[in-house]
Amino acid sequence: MQFRLVPTLAICFYLAMVLFVTYPGYHPFNHIRPFVFGLPFSLFWQVLWITSSIFVLTGVFFWEKRRAERSAPPDGERE
């Protein structure tokens, strides 16, 4: 079960990202005030999703790397 948990969570994250940065999901966050880190809130909202996607993708990369290392045969058994 855990084998598919990380990719499934990543897919769910990116589907939520598509929803919240396009029209129907973006509408509640489409306003200028309050300013967050000097950015209008609508711009901060998009930067937040893009930045968090970098961390999700990095997590999936390391998860895949660790899974590949576990499934690789030991050095002495390679042909």
N, C-alpha and C. Protein backbone atom coordinates (compact mmCIF):
# COMPACT_ATOMS: atom_id res chain seq x y z
N MET A 1 0.82 -1.20 0.00
CA MET A 1 0.00 0.00 0.00
C MET A 1 0.86 1.26 0.00
N GLN A 2 1.93 1.26 0.77
CA GLN A 2 2.78 2.44 0.84
C GLN A 2 3.52 2.65 -0.47
N PHE A 3 3.61 1.60 -1.28
CA PHE A 3 4.28 1.70 -2.56
C PHE A 3 3.63 2.77 -3.44
N ARG A 4 2.32 2.92 -3.37
CA ARG A 4 1.61 3.87 -4.22
C ARG A 4 1.15 5.11 -3.47
N LEU A 5 1.45 5.22 -2.21
CA LEU A 5 0.96 6.34 -1.42
C LEU A 5 1.60 7.65 -1.84
N VAL A 6 2.90 7.70 -1.99
CA VAL A 6 3.60 8.94 -2.33
C VAL A 6 3.21 9.44 -3.72
N PRO A 7 3.22 8.62 -4.76
CA PRO A 7 2.77 9.13 -6.06
C PRO A 7 1.31 9.58 -6.06
N THR A 8 0.47 8.88 -5.32
CA THR A 8 -0.94 9.26 -5.25
C THR A 8 -1.10 10.61 -4.57
N LEU A 9 -0.37 10.84 -3.49
CA LEU A 9 -0.43 12.13 -2.82
C LEU A 9 0.10 13.25 -3.71
N ALA A 10 1.15 12.97 -4.47
CA ALA A 10 1.69 13.97 -5.39
C ALA A 10 0.68 14.30 -6.49
N ILE A 11 0.02 13.31 -7.01
CA ILE A 11 -1.01 13.54 -8.04
C ILE A 11 -2.15 14.36 -7.47
N CYS A 12 -2.58 14.03 -6.25
CA CYS A 12 -3.65 14.81 -5.61
C CYS A 12 -3.22 16.26 -5.38
N PHE A 13 -1.98 16.47 -5.00
CA PHE A 13 -1.47 17.83 -4.81
C PHE A 13 -1.52 18.62 -6.11
N TYR A 14 -1.06 18.02 -7.19
CA TYR A 14 -1.02 18.74 -8.46
C TYR A 14 -2.42 18.96 -9.03
N LEU A 15 -3.35 18.06 -8.78
CA LEU A 15 -4.74 18.31 -9.19
C LEU A 15 -5.33 19.47 -8.39
N ALA A 16 -5.03 19.51 -7.08
CA ALA A 16 -5.49 20.65 -6.27
C ALA A 16 -4.84 21.94 -6.74
N MET A 17 -3.58 21.87 -7.13
CA MET A 17 -2.88 23.06 -7.63
C MET A 17 -3.56 23.59 -8.88
N VAL A 18 -3.90 22.70 -9.79
CA VAL A 18 -4.57 23.13 -11.02
C VAL A 18 -5.91 23.78 -10.68
N LEU A 19 -6.62 23.23 -9.74
CA LEU A 19 -7.91 23.79 -9.35
C LEU A 19 -7.74 25.17 -8.71
N PHE A 20 -6.77 25.33 -7.82
CA PHE A 20 -6.64 26.57 -7.05
C PHE A 20 -5.88 27.69 -7.75
N VAL A 21 -5.28 27.42 -8.90
CA VAL A 21 -4.63 28.52 -9.63
C VAL A 21 -5.34 28.83 -10.94
N THR A 22 -6.44 28.15 -11.23
CA THR A 22 -7.25 28.46 -12.40
C THR A 22 -8.59 29.02 -11.93
N TYR A 23 -9.45 29.38 -12.87
CA TYR A 23 -10.62 30.20 -12.58
C TYR A 23 -11.49 29.78 -11.40
N PRO A 24 -12.14 28.65 -11.41
CA PRO A 24 -13.13 28.50 -10.33
C PRO A 24 -12.52 28.44 -8.94
N GLY A 25 -11.37 27.84 -8.80
CA GLY A 25 -10.75 27.74 -7.48
C GLY A 25 -9.95 28.98 -7.10
N TYR A 26 -9.55 29.75 -8.07
CA TYR A 26 -8.73 30.95 -7.83
C TYR A 26 -9.58 32.15 -7.43
N HIS A 27 -10.84 32.14 -7.80
CA HIS A 27 -11.71 33.30 -7.58
C HIS A 27 -11.77 33.78 -6.13
N PRO A 28 -11.89 32.93 -5.12
CA PRO A 28 -11.92 33.43 -3.73
C PRO A 28 -10.63 34.10 -3.27
N PHE A 29 -9.52 33.82 -3.93
CA PHE A 29 -8.22 34.35 -3.53
C PHE A 29 -7.75 35.49 -4.42
N ASN A 30 -8.60 35.94 -5.33
CA ASN A 30 -8.24 36.95 -6.30
C ASN A 30 -8.53 38.35 -5.75
N HIS A 31 -7.74 38.79 -4.80
CA HIS A 31 -7.85 40.16 -4.31
C HIS A 31 -6.46 40.67 -3.95
N ILE A 32 -6.33 41.99 -3.88
CA ILE A 32 -5.02 42.60 -3.70
C ILE A 32 -4.61 42.62 -2.23
N ARG A 33 -5.50 43.02 -1.37
CA ARG A 33 -5.16 43.12 0.04
C ARG A 33 -5.58 41.87 0.76
N PRO A 34 -4.87 41.40 1.73
CA PRO A 34 -3.71 41.95 2.41
C PRO A 34 -2.44 41.67 1.60
N PHE A 35 -1.43 42.47 1.85
CA PHE A 35 -0.13 42.25 1.25
C PHE A 35 0.61 41.21 2.09
N VAL A 36 1.23 40.26 1.45
CA VAL A 36 2.00 39.23 2.13
C VAL A 36 3.41 39.27 1.57
N PHE A 37 4.38 39.54 2.42
CA PHE A 37 5.77 39.69 2.01
C PHE A 37 5.91 40.74 0.90
N GLY A 38 5.09 41.77 0.94
CA GLY A 38 5.15 42.84 -0.04
C GLY A 38 4.47 42.53 -1.36
N LEU A 39 3.86 41.36 -1.47
CA LEU A 39 3.17 40.97 -2.69
C LEU A 39 1.66 41.07 -2.49
N PRO A 40 0.93 41.44 -3.52
CA PRO A 40 -0.53 41.34 -3.42
C PRO A 40 -0.92 39.89 -3.14
N PHE A 41 -2.02 39.71 -2.44
CA PHE A 41 -2.38 38.36 -2.01
C PHE A 41 -2.55 37.40 -3.18
N SER A 42 -3.13 37.86 -4.29
CA SER A 42 -3.34 36.96 -5.43
C SER A 42 -2.01 36.46 -6.02
N LEU A 43 -1.01 37.33 -6.07
CA LEU A 43 0.31 36.91 -6.56
C LEU A 43 0.97 35.99 -5.55
N PHE A 44 0.86 36.30 -4.25
CA PHE A 44 1.42 35.44 -3.21
C PHE A 44 0.81 34.04 -3.30
N TRP A 45 -0.50 33.96 -3.57
CA TRP A 45 -1.20 32.67 -3.66
C TRP A 45 -0.58 31.80 -4.75
N GLN A 46 -0.29 32.38 -5.90
CA GLN A 46 0.31 31.62 -6.99
C GLN A 46 1.76 31.25 -6.68
N VAL A 47 2.51 32.17 -6.09
CA VAL A 47 3.90 31.88 -5.72
C VAL A 47 3.95 30.77 -4.67
N LEU A 48 3.01 30.77 -3.75
CA LEU A 48 2.94 29.72 -2.73
C LEU A 48 2.75 28.35 -3.36
N TRP A 49 1.85 28.23 -4.31
CA TRP A 49 1.62 26.94 -4.96
C TRP A 49 2.83 26.50 -5.78
N ILE A 50 3.44 27.43 -6.50
CA ILE A 50 4.61 27.07 -7.31
C ILE A 50 5.77 26.63 -6.42
N THR A 51 6.01 27.36 -5.34
CA THR A 51 7.09 27.01 -4.42
C THR A 51 6.84 25.67 -3.76
N SER A 52 5.61 25.44 -3.33
CA SER A 52 5.32 24.16 -2.69
C SER A 52 5.42 23.01 -3.68
N SER A 53 5.16 23.26 -4.95
CA SER A 53 5.30 22.18 -5.94
C SER A 53 6.76 21.75 -6.09
N ILE A 54 7.68 22.69 -5.89
CA ILE A 54 9.10 22.33 -5.93
C ILE A 54 9.43 21.34 -4.82
N PHE A 55 8.90 21.58 -3.63
CA PHE A 55 9.15 20.68 -2.51
C PHE A 55 8.50 19.32 -2.72
N VAL A 56 7.31 19.30 -3.28
CA VAL A 56 6.63 18.02 -3.55
C VAL A 56 7.42 17.22 -4.58
N LEU A 57 7.87 17.87 -5.63
CA LEU A 57 8.63 17.18 -6.66
C LEU A 57 9.96 16.67 -6.12
N THR A 58 10.61 17.45 -5.26
CA THR A 58 11.86 17.00 -4.64
C THR A 58 11.60 15.78 -3.75
N GLY A 59 10.51 15.81 -3.00
CA GLY A 59 10.17 14.67 -2.16
C GLY A 59 9.91 13.41 -2.97
N VAL A 60 9.21 13.55 -4.08
CA VAL A 60 8.96 12.39 -4.95
C VAL A 60 10.26 11.87 -5.55
N PHE A 61 11.16 12.78 -5.90
CA PHE A 61 12.45 12.36 -6.46
C PHE A 61 13.22 11.51 -5.45
N PHE A 62 13.33 11.99 -4.21
CA PHE A 62 14.08 11.24 -3.20
C PHE A 62 13.38 9.94 -2.84
N TRP A 63 12.05 9.92 -2.85
CA TRP A 63 11.32 8.69 -2.58
C TRP A 63 11.60 7.67 -3.69
N GLU A 64 11.57 8.11 -4.94
CA GLU A 64 11.86 7.21 -6.05
C GLU A 64 13.29 6.70 -6.00
N LYS A 65 14.23 7.58 -5.66
CA LYS A 65 15.63 7.19 -5.57
C LYS A 65 15.83 6.13 -4.49
N ARG A 66 15.21 6.32 -3.34
CA ARG A 66 15.33 5.34 -2.26
C ARG A 66 14.67 4.02 -2.63
N ARG A 67 13.52 4.09 -3.30
CA ARG A 67 12.83 2.87 -3.73
C ARG A 67 13.66 2.12 -4.76
N ALA A 68 14.32 2.83 -5.66
CA ALA A 68 15.17 2.17 -6.67
C ALA A 68 16.39 1.53 -6.03
N GLU A 69 16.96 2.19 -5.01
CA GLU A 69 18.11 1.60 -4.32
C GLU A 69 17.74 0.34 -3.57
N ARG A 70 16.54 0.31 -3.01
CA ARG A 70 16.11 -0.89 -2.29
C ARG A 70 15.84 -2.06 -3.23
N SER A 71 15.34 -1.78 -4.43
CA SER A 71 15.00 -2.86 -5.33
C SER A 71 16.18 -3.28 -6.21
N ALA A 72 17.29 -2.55 -6.19
CA ALA A 72 18.47 -2.91 -6.99
C ALA A 72 19.14 -4.14 -6.37
N PRO A 73 19.67 -5.01 -7.23
CA PRO A 73 20.36 -6.19 -6.69
C PRO A 73 21.68 -5.77 -6.03
N PRO A 74 22.15 -6.56 -5.07
CA PRO A 74 23.46 -6.24 -4.45
C PRO A 74 24.56 -6.25 -5.49
N ASP A 75 25.67 -5.58 -5.16
CA ASP A 75 26.78 -5.43 -6.13
C ASP A 75 27.37 -6.76 -6.59
N GLY A 76 27.44 -7.73 -5.72
CA GLY A 76 28.06 -9.00 -6.06
C GLY A 76 27.20 -9.84 -6.98
N GLU A 77 25.93 -9.57 -7.13
CA GLU A 77 25.04 -10.41 -7.90
C GLU A 77 24.76 -9.88 -9.32
N ARG A 78 25.41 -8.80 -9.72
CA ARG A 78 25.19 -8.28 -11.07
C ARG A 78 25.87 -9.16 -12.09
N GLU A 79 25.25 -9.28 -13.25
CA GLU A 79 25.82 -10.13 -14.31
C GLU A 79 26.54 -9.31 -15.34
